[in-house]
Amino acid sequence: MGLTALQAHGQVLGAERVCEYRGASSAACFSDPQGEFAVLRRECAVYDLGFREKISLTGGDRVRWLNGMVTNNIRDLAVGRGVYAFLLNPQGHILGDLYAYNRGESILVDTDADQLENTIASFDHYIIMDDVVIRKLGEHVTSLGIAGPKSRAVLEAAGIMVPAMQPLEVSTAKWECDRACLECALVRGENPGRESYEIWIARPDVLKFWNGLVAAGAKPVGWETLELDRIASGIPRYGVDLRHRDLPQETAQDRALNFNKGCYVGQEIVERIRSRGAVHRKLSGFLLDGVVAIPAGTKIVAGEKEIGEVTSAASLSVEGRQKTVALGYVRREVNLPGRQVDIAGARAMVAPIPISDELLLRENDALHERPA
């Protein structure tokens, strides 16, 4: 994959490093990722979301057809609202993840650039006699992200009015810029407890929006900071924490599942797991005090017995304290909040995902004591 639409203006942006992330080349950082992380959590950060690709679904059968393809409810999705969902194979294994938004005359599907071709191939495979037209939007549309407790104020200081919005709600907005009126779609972030937005814009306008937000007080951050924030929040990423061999209920992503929507590809396996009541392993978070190097694949141990493995980890500074956060799969009998385990020779505490800010900030005194 090539440069994102924004990074095509890379020398203007002043990023320190540019490299591939989720299938597109984008800014890795602008300064120190730890400092950028603090900005994102405490102030207002702006970042490139050009590694996300968008697909338009039109045609009279689009709602019924997509509802039969993914794990969440498209049939009852109101205009202007979105959902997170998995795309499964008939054996119930995860082929990819995506967001779907009802745009009235179309459904917009949003996924990572490195999932785009496989997603379209899966879609094409199941369009038989259906009135569904698939169109890539990447040549026309890109997106920026803005997050932090001051993000709404910065948007409005830049001249973009923000209505009251629910998570994953889409609203059309206008921006008066250089004697022109530019249109964008504003999307509220999924976490109701944190202020964040996506801005969907025409590719030629991306640098104007970026500069306008920076001038209004947003500070640029790169994808290394987004990874720190993702892991610190306990949000899994497809291809890293969510893999083809995983089953939906193993991922702890209940937000992706709807059990009242009717049939879809892989639904029989998902329903069978639900009826039996449990899976043998589950994705969880792990909190460690201090900086601990934890490569993906590191074994998780309890009582000298391997009970799982780490899929991703990050060390970060939280309110002046060094923390390490990991995500990984462990056996269900160990997946209990507060349970102590060993990772890379250090004590870790099992944390439910998504990981709350309160839990992340908590002093983990129990980790310094050996269990009885």
Foldseek 3Di string as FASTA:
>chain_A
DEAFLVCVCVVVVQAPDWDDDLAYIFRAWNDDLQVVLCCQAAPKAKEWQSQKWKKKKAFPCRQVLVLQFWFDHSPPADAQAKAKTFGAALQQFGLAIWMWHHNPRIIMIMGGNNSVVVVVVSSVVPDDVGGIDMDICSQWKTKMKMWYPCRQVLCVLLPWHDDDDDARGKDKTWGCDPNDIFIWIWHAHRDPVTGMIMTMHTSVCVVVVVVSSVVSPHHYTYVNSVVVVCQLQPHDDEPQARDRVDHVQQEVPCRHHDPPRDHHRNVVVVVVCVVVPDDFKHKWKKKFFDDDDADWQWFKADPNHTFWTWRDKDWHADPNTIMIMTIIMGTPVQQDAQRWIDTNNFIIGTAGPSHDPVNSPDDPPVRVDDDD
